[in-house]
Amino acid sequence: MGPPSSAASAPVRPPYQGRRPIGSGHVSATLVARARPTSSRRDQLLPVLPALAPLMPDGGLQRGGVVAVDVGAGPARDPAGDPGPSGAGGAGGGTTLAFALLAAASATSWCAAVGTADPGIVALAELGVDLRHLVLVPRPGALWPQVTATLLDGVDAVLLRLPGSVRPEAARRLAARVRERRAVLVVLAPARGWPEGGGADVRLSVQAGGWQGVGSGHGHLQGRRALVVATGRRAATRPVGVELWLPAPSGRIEAVDGRTTEETVATEETMATEETVGTVATEETVGNAQERRAHEKSTQQNASEKNA
């Protein structure tokens, strides 16, 4: 009789599922920790000033996103800054709002501004922008797409003031670069200057506003009070508005009363209802008094006729 078969003495192996045998034990805590995502959604945000947080769907600037700031329906204005309270193109304040979006992020991240000419260094510092982390390219000329794309490779946030309308394909290329580099692009443009297909996640517009502190031929400009409305796509589809000091007398961006547009509208409706109720009550009181006087006059006439 020959030697026993090796197949008969071979141990029985458990069936495999992929690389790991079924029933081979638990997964170690170390492996679980290594398998966790390296960053959460919160880590993908650049911070914004507290007054601006309600305008952002996640409370900050989402990395890989585009924010379009509307400077009005008129033609592109002088890039040196916003006009006065009566300037063309809407309520003004677009440049101030755009730089304010970078203020909190510039404390820890590098930011850049392209095509803004001379934005006013002192005013930027008062807004809270850290000038040590800000790169300015005031007049890029016709090379603004290339300059912007290059800056997106090296900084976390870029503010771009468009010289006019941009072609959809150029906007899509910049949006793709923003997503690839996990940066943030803030576009300052006239209404419809940044195409709808350009990947703007949030659109901000200053819909109403006026300067405070100037009387009839005297006084000094102290602050601008404005209503800023945010719309967009995905989580920003529902419009949200915040009344802001843009800027406040201190030079900072502050909320006027901390209420959103919905709360303001609800308060105005309540006040209108109370006013209507008060008006109706007043009219009823006046009507009752008139009826009482007419009744007294009629009674007096009847008494006079009886005496006669």
C-alpha atoms as a PDB file:
ATOM      1  CA  MET A   1       0.000   0.000   0.000  1.00  0.00           C
ATOM      2  CA  GLY A   2       1.417   3.368  -0.990  1.00  0.00           C
ATOM      3  CA  PRO A   3       1.825   6.565   1.152  1.00  0.00           C
ATOM      4  CA  PRO A   4      -1.323   8.388   2.176  1.00  0.00           C
ATOM      5  CA  SER A   5      -2.560  11.052  -0.191  1.00  0.00           C
ATOM      6  CA  SER A   6      -1.544  14.624   0.652  1.00  0.00           C
ATOM      7  CA  ALA A   7      -5.041  15.737  -0.230  1.00  0.00           C
ATOM      8  CA  ALA A   8      -6.500  13.647   2.560  1.00  0.00           C
ATOM      9  CA  SER A   9      -4.287  15.315   5.228  1.00  0.00           C
ATOM     10  CA  ALA A  10      -4.629  18.927   3.942  1.00  0.00           C
ATOM     11  CA  PRO A  11      -6.507  21.197   6.381  1.00  0.00           C
ATOM     12  CA  VAL A  12      -9.893  22.480   5.370  1.00  0.00           C
ATOM     13  CA  ARG A  13      -9.678  26.249   4.630  1.00  0.00           C
ATOM     14  CA  PRO A  14     -12.649  28.554   5.173  1.00  0.00           C
ATOM     15  CA  PRO A  15     -14.186  30.118   2.105  1.00  0.00           C
ATOM     16  CA  TYR A  16     -12.864  33.546   1.202  1.00  0.00           C
ATOM     17  CA  GLN A  17     -14.762  36.699   0.429  1.00  0.00           C
ATOM     18  CA  GLY A  18     -12.370  38.976  -1.327  1.00  0.00           C
ATOM     19  CA  ARG A  19      -9.082  38.990   0.602  1.00  0.00           C
ATOM     20  CA  ARG A  20     -10.473  38.460   4.060  1.00  0.00           C
ATOM     21  CA  PRO A  21     -11.802  35.030   5.157  1.00  0.00           C
ATOM     22  CA  ILE A  22     -15.355  34.889   6.407  1.00  0.00           C
ATOM     23  CA  GLY A  23     -15.521  34.692  10.194  1.00  0.00           C
ATOM     24  CA  SER A  24     -11.855  35.561  10.696  1.00  0.00           C
ATOM     25  CA  GLY A  25     -12.555  38.051  13.526  1.00  0.00           C
ATOM     26  CA  HIS A  26     -13.424  41.690  14.190  1.00  0.00           C
ATOM     27  CA  VAL A  27     -11.971  44.777  12.507  1.00  0.00           C
ATOM     28  CA  SER A  28      -9.424  46.554  14.659  1.00  0.00           C
ATOM     29  CA  ALA A  29     -10.022  50.090  15.907  1.00  0.00           C
ATOM     30  CA  THR A  30      -6.791  51.208  14.258  1.00  0.00           C
ATOM     31  CA  LEU A  31      -8.025  50.089  10.855  1.00  0.00           C
ATOM     32  CA  VAL A  32     -11.350  51.848  11.403  1.00  0.00           C
ATOM     33  CA  ALA A  33      -9.545  55.089  12.285  1.00  0.00           C
ATOM     34  CA  ARG A  34      -7.438  54.836   9.144  1.00  0.00           C
ATOM     35  CA  ALA A  35     -10.529  54.247   7.027  1.00  0.00           C
ATOM     36  CA  ARG A  36     -12.313  57.401   8.260  1.00  0.00           C
ATOM     37  CA  PRO A  37     -12.468  60.395   5.891  1.00  0.00           C
ATOM     38  CA  THR A  38      -9.531  62.719   6.395  1.00  0.00           C
ATOM     39  CA  SER A  39     -11.814  65.797   6.560  1.00  0.00           C
ATOM     40  CA  SER A  40     -15.458  66.489   7.274  1.00  0.00           C
ATOM     41  CA  ARG A  41     -17.780  68.791   5.368  1.00  0.00           C
ATOM     42  CA  ARG A  42     -17.147  71.448   7.998  1.00  0.00           C
ATOM     43  CA  ASP A  43     -13.426  71.260   7.264  1.00  0.00           C
ATOM     44  CA  GLN A  44     -14.190  72.142   3.627  1.00  0.00           C
ATOM     45  CA  LEU A  45     -15.414  75.637   4.580  1.00  0.00           C
ATOM     46  CA  LEU A  46     -13.559  78.922   4.684  1.00  0.00           C
ATOM     47  CA  PRO A  47     -14.917  81.125   7.497  1.00  0.00           C
ATOM     48  CA  VAL A  48     -16.884  84.334   6.906  1.00  0.00           C
ATOM     49  CA  LEU A  49     -17.795  87.211   9.194  1.00  0.00           C
ATOM     50  CA  PRO A  50     -20.667  86.386  11.601  1.00  0.00           C
ATOM     51  CA  ALA A  51     -22.939  88.956   9.934  1.00  0.00           C
ATOM     52  CA  LEU A  52     -22.506  87.211   6.557  1.00  0.00           C
ATOM     53  CA  ALA A  53     -22.907  83.622   7.778  1.00  0.00           C
ATOM     54  CA  PRO A  54     -26.740  83.555   7.337  1.00  0.00           C
ATOM     55  CA  LEU A  55     -26.261  84.258   3.622  1.00  0.00           C
ATOM     56  CA  MET A  56     -24.154  81.114   3.118  1.00  0.00           C
ATOM     57  CA  PRO A  57     -25.954  77.714   3.037  1.00  0.00           C
ATOM     58  CA  ASP A  58     -23.292  76.097   5.254  1.00  0.00           C
ATOM     59  CA  GLY A  59     -22.348  79.210   7.189  1.00  0.00           C
ATOM     60  CA  GLY A  60     -19.113  79.727   5.245  1.00  0.00           C
ATOM     61  CA  LEU A  61     -17.444  79.664   1.831  1.00  0.00           C
ATOM     62  CA  GLN A  62     -17.578  76.116   0.459  1.00  0.00           C
ATOM     63  CA  ARG A  63     -14.270  74.987  -1.027  1.00  0.00           C
ATOM     64  CA  GLY A  64     -14.639  74.232  -4.712  1.00  0.00           C
ATOM     65  CA  GLY A  65     -17.509  76.723  -5.015  1.00  0.00           C
ATOM     66  CA  VAL A  66     -18.201  79.966  -6.867  1.00  0.00           C
ATOM     67  CA  VAL A  67     -19.968  82.959  -5.302  1.00  0.00           C
ATOM     68  CA  ALA A  68     -21.259  85.660  -7.671  1.00  0.00           C
ATOM     69  CA  VAL A  69     -21.759  89.170  -6.272  1.00  0.00           C
ATOM     70  CA  ASP A  70     -24.058  91.349  -8.376  1.00  0.00           C
ATOM     71  CA  VAL A  71     -22.976  94.974  -8.812  1.00  0.00           C
ATOM     72  CA  GLY A  72     -26.269  96.012 -10.430  1.00  0.00           C
ATOM     73  CA  ALA A  73     -28.130  95.944 -13.711  1.00  0.00           C
ATOM     74  CA  GLY A  74     -26.196  98.796 -15.252  1.00  0.00           C
ATOM     75  CA  PRO A  75     -22.892  98.718 -17.136  1.00  0.00           C
ATOM     76  CA  ALA A  76     -19.688  97.822 -15.367  1.00  0.00           C
ATOM     77  CA  ARG A  77     -18.545 100.680 -13.177  1.00  0.00           C
ATOM     78  CA  ASP A  78     -15.164 102.157 -12.482  1.00  0.00           C
ATOM     79  CA  PRO A  79     -13.247  99.358 -10.742  1.00  0.00           C
ATOM     80  CA  ALA A  80     -11.779 101.849  -8.278  1.00  0.00           C
ATOM     81  CA  GLY A  81     -14.771 101.255  -6.015  1.00  0.00           C
ATOM     82  CA  ASP A  82     -18.461 101.674  -5.445  1.00  0.00           C
ATOM     83  CA  PRO A  83     -20.289 104.848  -6.373  1.00  0.00           C
ATOM     84  CA  GLY A  84     -22.162 106.950  -3.881  1.00  0.00           C
ATOM     85  CA  PRO A  85     -25.693 106.311  -2.691  1.00  0.00           C
ATOM     86  CA  SER A  86     -27.150 107.418  -6.010  1.00  0.00           C
ATOM     87  CA  GLY A  87     -24.592 105.744  -8.251  1.00  0.00           C
ATOM     88  CA  ALA A  88     -25.594 103.837 -11.349  1.00  0.00           C
ATOM     89  CA  GLY A  89     -26.171 100.112 -11.244  1.00  0.00           C
ATOM     90  CA  GLY A  90     -28.339  99.590  -8.193  1.00  0.00           C
ATOM     91  CA  ALA A  91     -27.881 100.270  -4.503  1.00  0.00           C
ATOM     92  CA  GLY A  92     -24.077  99.961  -4.586  1.00  0.00           C
ATOM     93  CA  GLY A  93     -21.974  98.143  -2.028  1.00  0.00           C
ATOM     94  CA  GLY A  94     -20.982  95.196  -4.215  1.00  0.00           C
ATOM     95  CA  THR A  95     -17.229  95.780  -3.898  1.00  0.00           C
ATOM     96  CA  THR A  96     -17.476  96.181  -0.130  1.00  0.00           C
ATOM     97  CA  LEU A  97     -19.545  92.995   0.135  1.00  0.00           C
ATOM     98  CA  ALA A  98     -17.127  91.002  -2.033  1.00  0.00           C
ATOM     99  CA  PHE A  99     -14.056  91.974   0.010  1.00  0.00           C
ATOM    100  CA  ALA A 100     -15.984  91.383   3.241  1.00  0.00           C
ATOM    101  CA  LEU A 101     -16.452  87.751   2.160  1.00  0.00           C
ATOM    102  CA  LEU A 102     -12.664  87.340   2.285  1.00  0.00           C
ATOM    103  CA  ALA A 103     -12.123  89.115   5.612  1.00  0.00           C
ATOM    104  CA  ALA A 104     -12.424  86.153   7.988  1.00  0.00           C
ATOM    105  CA  ALA A 105     -10.684  83.725   5.622  1.00  0.00           C
ATOM    106  CA  SER A 106      -7.677  86.047   5.191  1.00  0.00           C
ATOM    107  CA  ALA A 107      -6.810  85.645   8.871  1.00  0.00           C
ATOM    108  CA  THR A 108      -5.460  82.131   8.221  1.00  0.00           C
ATOM    109  CA  SER A 109      -5.522  81.663   4.430  1.00  0.00           C
ATOM    110  CA  TRP A 110      -3.992  83.410   1.442  1.00  0.00           C
ATOM    111  CA  CYS A 111      -6.420  85.390  -0.704  1.00  0.00           C
ATOM    112  CA  ALA A 112      -6.109  87.376  -3.931  1.00  0.00           C
ATOM    113  CA  ALA A 113      -8.045  90.093  -5.753  1.00  0.00           C
ATOM    114  CA  VAL A 114      -7.908  90.484  -9.533  1.00  0.00           C
ATOM    115  CA  GLY A 115      -9.100  93.493 -11.532  1.00  0.00           C
ATOM    116  CA  THR A 116     -10.192  95.656  -8.602  1.00  0.00           C
ATOM    117  CA  ALA A 117      -7.797  98.546  -9.436  1.00  0.00           C
ATOM    118  CA  ASP A 118      -7.279 100.513  -6.188  1.00  0.00           C
ATOM    119  CA  PRO A 119      -9.847  99.148  -3.717  1.00  0.00           C
ATOM    120  CA  GLY A 120      -8.676 101.340  -0.831  1.00  0.00           C
ATOM    121  CA  ILE A 121      -6.197  99.644   1.480  1.00  0.00           C
ATOM    122  CA  VAL A 122      -7.358 101.497   4.600  1.00  0.00           C
ATOM    123  CA  ALA A 123     -10.996 100.549   3.938  1.00  0.00           C
ATOM    124  CA  LEU A 124     -10.006  96.882   3.457  1.00  0.00           C
ATOM    125  CA  ALA A 125      -8.176  96.880   6.773  1.00  0.00           C
ATOM    126  CA  GLU A 126     -11.255  98.361   8.487  1.00  0.00           C
ATOM    127  CA  LEU A 127     -13.377  95.580   6.965  1.00  0.00           C
ATOM    128  CA  GLY A 128     -11.131  93.069   8.693  1.00  0.00           C
ATOM    129  CA  VAL A 129      -9.089  91.894   5.691  1.00  0.00           C
ATOM    130  CA  ASP A 130      -5.608  90.757   6.733  1.00  0.00           C
ATOM    131  CA  LEU A 131      -3.402  92.637   4.272  1.00  0.00           C
ATOM    132  CA  ARG A 132      -0.478  90.315   5.061  1.00  0.00           C
ATOM    133  CA  HIS A 133      -2.386  87.471   3.372  1.00  0.00           C
ATOM    134  CA  LEU A 134      -3.776  89.440   0.403  1.00  0.00           C
ATOM    135  CA  VAL A 135      -2.343  89.497  -3.127  1.00  0.00           C
ATOM    136  CA  LEU A 136      -3.538  92.323  -5.404  1.00  0.00           C
ATOM    137  CA  VAL A 137      -3.423  92.208  -9.201  1.00  0.00           C
ATOM    138  CA  PRO A 138      -5.153  95.533  -9.902  1.00  0.00           C
ATOM    139  CA  ARG A 139      -5.094  95.646 -13.706  1.00  0.00           C
ATOM    140  CA  PRO A 140      -4.587  92.265 -15.409  1.00  0.00           C
ATOM    141  CA  GLY A 141      -5.962  93.496 -18.742  1.00  0.00           C
ATOM    142  CA  ALA A 142      -7.004  90.890 -21.287  1.00  0.00           C
ATOM    143  CA  LEU A 143      -5.035  88.214 -19.405  1.00  0.00           C
ATOM    144  CA  TRP A 144      -7.462  88.117 -16.461  1.00  0.00           C
ATOM    145  CA  PRO A 145      -8.547  84.475 -17.146  1.00  0.00           C
ATOM    146  CA  GLN A 146      -4.953  83.215 -17.090  1.00  0.00           C
ATOM    147  CA  VAL A 147      -4.036  85.314 -14.041  1.00  0.00           C
ATOM    148  CA  THR A 148      -7.073  84.046 -12.139  1.00  0.00           C
ATOM    149  CA  ALA A 149      -6.401  80.416 -13.031  1.00  0.00           C
ATOM    150  CA  THR A 150      -2.767  80.733 -11.914  1.00  0.00           C
ATOM    151  CA  LEU A 151      -3.731  82.276  -8.583  1.00  0.00           C
ATOM    152  CA  LEU A 152      -6.259  79.498  -7.953  1.00  0.00           C
ATOM    153  CA  ASP A 153      -3.319  77.077  -7.990  1.00  0.00           C
ATOM    154  CA  GLY A 154      -1.659  78.794  -5.037  1.00  0.00           C
ATOM    155  CA  VAL A 155      -4.221  80.567  -2.812  1.00  0.00           C
ATOM    156  CA  ASP A 156      -7.424  79.525  -1.078  1.00  0.00           C
ATOM    157  CA  ALA A 157      -9.745  82.314  -2.293  1.00  0.00           C
ATOM    158  CA  VAL A 158      -9.709  84.646  -5.296  1.00  0.00           C
ATOM    159  CA  LEU A 159     -11.889  87.702  -5.830  1.00  0.00           C
ATOM    160  CA  LEU A 160     -12.323  88.453  -9.534  1.00  0.00           C
ATOM    161  CA  ARG A 161     -13.883  91.640 -10.852  1.00  0.00           C
ATOM    162  CA  LEU A 162     -14.993  90.977 -14.419  1.00  0.00           C
ATOM    163  CA  PRO A 163     -14.361  93.699 -16.984  1.00  0.00           C
ATOM    164  CA  GLY A 164     -17.748  92.841 -18.521  1.00  0.00           C
ATOM    165  CA  SER A 165     -19.689  89.762 -19.566  1.00  0.00           C
ATOM    166  CA  VAL A 166     -17.815  86.481 -19.818  1.00  0.00           C
ATOM    167  CA  ARG A 167     -18.346  83.674 -22.318  1.00  0.00           C
ATOM    168  CA  PRO A 168     -19.963  80.540 -20.843  1.00  0.00           C
ATOM    169  CA  GLU A 169     -17.031  78.305 -21.816  1.00  0.00           C
ATOM    170  CA  ALA A 170     -14.547  80.601 -20.045  1.00  0.00           C
ATOM    171  CA  ALA A 171     -16.715  80.620 -16.921  1.00  0.00           C
ATOM    172  CA  ARG A 172     -16.986  76.823 -16.965  1.00  0.00           C
ATOM    173  CA  ARG A 173     -13.198  76.458 -17.261  1.00  0.00           C
ATOM    174  CA  LEU A 174     -12.615  78.679 -14.235  1.00  0.00           C
ATOM    175  CA  ALA A 175     -15.292  76.844 -12.253  1.00  0.00           C
ATOM    176  CA  ALA A 176     -13.630  73.530 -13.108  1.00  0.00           C
ATOM    177  CA  ARG A 177     -10.263  74.888 -11.914  1.00  0.00           C
ATOM    178  CA  VAL A 178     -11.887  76.018  -8.655  1.00  0.00           C
ATOM    179  CA  ARG A 179     -13.304  72.519  -8.043  1.00  0.00           C
ATOM    180  CA  GLU A 180     -10.021  70.856  -8.929  1.00  0.00           C
ATOM    181  CA  ARG A 181      -7.952  73.038  -6.584  1.00  0.00           C
ATOM    182  CA  ARG A 182     -10.597  73.081  -3.797  1.00  0.00           C
ATOM    183  CA  ALA A 183     -10.392  76.871  -3.731  1.00  0.00           C
ATOM    184  CA  VAL A 184     -13.125  79.551  -3.624  1.00  0.00           C
ATOM    185  CA  LEU A 185     -13.861  82.037  -6.405  1.00  0.00           C
ATOM    186  CA  VAL A 186     -15.792  85.236  -5.612  1.00  0.00           C
ATOM    187  CA  VAL A 187     -16.911  86.918  -8.839  1.00  0.00           C
ATOM    188  CA  LEU A 188     -17.842  90.599  -8.840  1.00  0.00           C
ATOM    189  CA  ALA A 189     -19.843  91.226 -12.014  1.00  0.00           C
ATOM    190  CA  PRO A 190     -22.790  93.142 -13.461  1.00  0.00           C
ATOM    191  CA  ALA A 191     -26.167  91.413 -13.561  1.00  0.00           C
ATOM    192  CA  ARG A 192     -25.969  88.453 -15.981  1.00  0.00           C
ATOM    193  CA  GLY A 193     -22.224  89.114 -16.329  1.00  0.00           C
ATOM    194  CA  TRP A 194     -21.465  85.635 -14.951  1.00  0.00           C
ATOM    195  CA  PRO A 195     -23.526  83.122 -16.982  1.00  0.00           C
ATOM    196  CA  GLU A 196     -26.038  80.807 -15.326  1.00  0.00           C
ATOM    197  CA  GLY A 197     -24.064  77.803 -16.540  1.00  0.00           C
ATOM    198  CA  GLY A 198     -20.872  79.106 -14.956  1.00  0.00           C
ATOM    199  CA  GLY A 199     -21.265  77.065 -11.782  1.00  0.00           C
ATOM    200  CA  ALA A 200     -22.193  79.829  -9.321  1.00  0.00           C
ATOM    201  CA  ASP A 201     -23.451  78.132  -6.155  1.00  0.00           C
ATOM    202  CA  VAL A 202     -24.556  81.355  -4.432  1.00  0.00           C
ATOM    203  CA  ARG A 203     -25.532  84.727  -5.917  1.00  0.00           C
ATOM    204  CA  LEU A 204     -25.543  87.798  -3.701  1.00  0.00           C
ATOM    205  CA  SER A 205     -27.148  91.134  -4.550  1.00  0.00           C
ATOM    206  CA  VAL A 206     -27.586  94.422  -2.717  1.00  0.00           C
ATOM    207  CA  GLN A 207     -31.214  95.250  -3.417  1.00  0.00           C
ATOM    208  CA  ALA A 208     -31.747  98.377  -1.340  1.00  0.00           C
ATOM    209  CA  GLY A 209     -29.636 100.695   0.710  1.00  0.00           C
ATOM    210  CA  GLY A 210     -28.662 104.204   1.622  1.00  0.00           C
ATOM    211  CA  TRP A 211     -25.974 106.148   3.427  1.00  0.00           C
ATOM    212  CA  GLN A 212     -26.488 107.418   6.956  1.00  0.00           C
ATOM    213  CA  GLY A 213     -25.100 110.563   8.567  1.00  0.00           C
ATOM    214  CA  VAL A 214     -25.672 113.178   5.872  1.00  0.00           C
ATOM    215  CA  GLY A 215     -28.371 115.794   6.441  1.00  0.00           C
ATOM    216  CA  SER A 216     -29.569 118.654   4.218  1.00  0.00           C
ATOM    217  CA  GLY A 217     -26.214 119.929   3.034  1.00  0.00           C
ATOM    218  CA  HIS A 218     -24.263 119.045   6.174  1.00  0.00           C
ATOM    219  CA  GLY A 219     -22.854 116.092   8.098  1.00  0.00           C
ATOM    220  CA  HIS A 220     -20.487 113.227   7.276  1.00  0.00           C
ATOM    221  CA  LEU A 221     -21.036 109.780   5.789  1.00  0.00           C
ATOM    222  CA  GLN A 222     -21.043 107.340   8.690  1.00  0.00           C
ATOM    223  CA  GLY A 223     -22.367 104.038   7.352  1.00  0.00           C
ATOM    224  CA  ARG A 224     -24.445 102.384   4.675  1.00  0.00           C
ATOM    225  CA  ARG A 225     -27.527 100.372   5.563  1.00  0.00           C
ATOM    226  CA  ALA A 226     -28.390  97.772   2.907  1.00  0.00           C
ATOM    227  CA  LEU A 227     -30.487  94.662   2.305  1.00  0.00           C
ATOM    228  CA  VAL A 228     -28.391  91.780   0.926  1.00  0.00           C
ATOM    229  CA  VAL A 229     -30.254  88.838  -0.648  1.00  0.00           C
ATOM    230  CA  ALA A 230     -28.733  85.431  -1.378  1.00  0.00           C
ATOM    231  CA  THR A 231     -30.060  82.976  -3.959  1.00  0.00           C
ATOM    232  CA  GLY A 232     -28.476  80.035  -5.723  1.00  0.00           C
ATOM    233  CA  ARG A 233     -28.751  76.330  -6.316  1.00  0.00           C
ATOM    234  CA  ARG A 234     -28.861  73.184  -4.225  1.00  0.00           C
ATOM    235  CA  ALA A 235     -29.029  74.297  -0.579  1.00  0.00           C
ATOM    236  CA  ALA A 236     -29.292  77.975  -1.590  1.00  0.00           C
ATOM    237  CA  THR A 237     -32.420  77.711  -3.740  1.00  0.00           C
ATOM    238  CA  ARG A 238     -34.553  79.438  -1.096  1.00  0.00           C
ATOM    239  CA  PRO A 239     -33.822  83.198  -1.051  1.00  0.00           C
ATOM    240  CA  VAL A 240     -32.458  84.563   2.209  1.00  0.00           C
ATOM    241  CA  GLY A 241     -31.978  88.234   3.015  1.00  0.00           C
ATOM    242  CA  VAL A 242     -30.102  90.025   5.775  1.00  0.00           C
ATOM    243  CA  GLU A 243     -30.126  93.735   6.554  1.00  0.00           C
ATOM    244  CA  LEU A 244     -26.527  94.834   7.072  1.00  0.00           C
ATOM    245  CA  TRP A 245     -24.416  97.825   7.822  1.00  0.00           C
ATOM    246  CA  LEU A 246     -22.256  97.834   4.703  1.00  0.00           C
ATOM    247  CA  PRO A 247     -20.166  99.216   6.341  1.00  0.00           C
ATOM    248  CA  ALA A 248     -21.077 100.302   9.870  1.00  0.00           C
ATOM    249  CA  PRO A 249     -19.751 103.576  11.329  1.00  0.00           C
ATOM    250  CA  SER A 250     -16.878 101.496  12.746  1.00  0.00           C
ATOM    251  CA  GLY A 251     -15.925 100.391   9.225  1.00  0.00           C
ATOM    252  CA  ARG A 252     -16.914  96.767   9.930  1.00  0.00           C
ATOM    253  CA  ILE A 253     -19.729  94.684   8.486  1.00  0.00           C
ATOM    254  CA  GLU A 254     -22.473  94.252  11.053  1.00  0.00           C
ATOM    255  CA  ALA A 255     -26.068  93.022  11.086  1.00  0.00           C
ATOM    256  CA  VAL A 256     -28.589  95.789  11.635  1.00  0.00           C
ATOM    257  CA  ASP A 257     -30.796  93.819  14.033  1.00  0.00           C
ATOM    258  CA  GLY A 258     -29.810  90.194  13.483  1.00  0.00           C
ATOM    259  CA  ARG A 259     -33.082  89.315  11.712  1.00  0.00           C
ATOM    260  CA  THR A 260     -33.423  87.562   8.365  1.00  0.00           C
ATOM    261  CA  THR A 261     -35.786  88.674   5.648  1.00  0.00           C
ATOM    262  CA  GLU A 262     -38.450  86.149   6.655  1.00  0.00           C
ATOM    263  CA  GLU A 263     -38.448  87.433  10.238  1.00  0.00           C
ATOM    264  CA  THR A 264     -38.548  91.034   9.026  1.00  0.00           C
ATOM    265  CA  VAL A 265     -41.497  90.299   6.747  1.00  0.00           C
ATOM    266  CA  ALA A 266     -43.339  88.510   9.571  1.00  0.00           C
ATOM    267  CA  THR A 267     -42.772  91.489  11.871  1.00  0.00           C
ATOM    268  CA  GLU A 268     -43.971  93.925   9.232  1.00  0.00           C
ATOM    269  CA  GLU A 269     -47.104  91.829   8.672  1.00  0.00           C
ATOM    270  CA  THR A 270     -47.788  91.791  12.414  1.00  0.00           C
ATOM    271  CA  MET A 271     -47.336  95.549  12.615  1.00  0.00           C
ATOM    272  CA  ALA A 272     -49.629  96.034   9.607  1.00  0.00           C
ATOM    273  CA  THR A 273     -52.262  93.792  11.212  1.00  0.00           C
ATOM    274  CA  GLU A 274     -52.055  95.703  14.481  1.00  0.00           C
ATOM    275  CA  GLU A 275     -52.303  98.988  12.616  1.00  0.00           C
ATOM    276  CA  THR A 276     -55.358  97.739  10.707  1.00  0.00           C
ATOM    277  CA  VAL A 277     -57.026  96.554  13.907  1.00  0.00           C
ATOM    278  CA  GLY A 278     -56.296  99.875  15.553  1.00  0.00           C
ATOM    279  CA  THR A 279     -57.698 101.769  12.582  1.00  0.00           C
ATOM    280  CA  VAL A 280     -60.872  99.680  12.605  1.00  0.00           C
ATOM    281  CA  ALA A 281     -61.293 100.200  16.342  1.00  0.00           C
ATOM    282  CA  THR A 282     -60.827 103.952  15.920  1.00  0.00           C
ATOM    283  CA  GLU A 283     -63.363 104.071  13.108  1.00  0.00           C
ATOM    284  CA  GLU A 284     -65.852 102.118  15.247  1.00  0.00           C
ATOM    285  CA  THR A 285     -65.340 104.528  18.162  1.00  0.00           C
ATOM    286  CA  VAL A 286     -65.847 107.567  15.916  1.00  0.00           C
ATOM    287  CA  GLY A 287     -68.958 105.966  14.406  1.00  0.00           C
ATOM    288  CA  ASN A 288     -70.465 105.247  17.822  1.00  0.00           C
ATOM    289  CA  ALA A 289     -69.833 108.816  18.943  1.00  0.00           C
ATOM    290  CA  GLN A 290     -71.524 110.201  15.837  1.00  0.00           C
ATOM    291  CA  GLU A 291     -74.535 107.953  16.374  1.00  0.00           C
ATOM    292  CA  ARG A 292     -74.777 109.033  20.029  1.00  0.00           C
ATOM    293  CA  ARG A 293     -74.670 112.721  19.120  1.00  0.00           C
ATOM    294  CA  ALA A 294     -77.363 112.210  16.443  1.00  0.00           C
ATOM    295  CA  HIS A 295     -79.554 110.380  18.964  1.00  0.00           C
ATOM    296  CA  GLU A 296     -79.134 113.165  21.553  1.00  0.00           C
ATOM    297  CA  LYS A 297     -79.957 115.812  18.954  1.00  0.00           C
ATOM    298  CA  SER A 298     -83.082 113.898  17.912  1.00  0.00           C
ATOM    299  CA  THR A 299     -84.165 113.561  21.563  1.00  0.00           C
ATOM    300  CA  GLN A 300     -83.725 117.290  22.114  1.00  0.00           C
ATOM    301  CA  GLN A 301     -85.783 118.089  19.005  1.00  0.00           C
ATOM    302  CA  ASN A 302     -88.605 115.815  20.167  1.00  0.00           C
ATOM    303  CA  ALA A 303     -88.607 117.410  23.627  1.00  0.00           C
ATOM    304  CA  SER A 304     -88.764 120.900  22.076  1.00  0.00           C
ATOM    305  CA  GLU A 305     -91.705 119.934  19.908  1.00  0.00           C
ATOM    306  CA  LYS A 306     -93.597 118.551  22.916  1.00  0.00           C
ATOM    307  CA  ASN A 307     -93.011 121.744  24.938  1.00  0.00           C
ATOM    308  CA  ALA A 308     -94.235 123.839  22.014  1.00  0.00           C
END
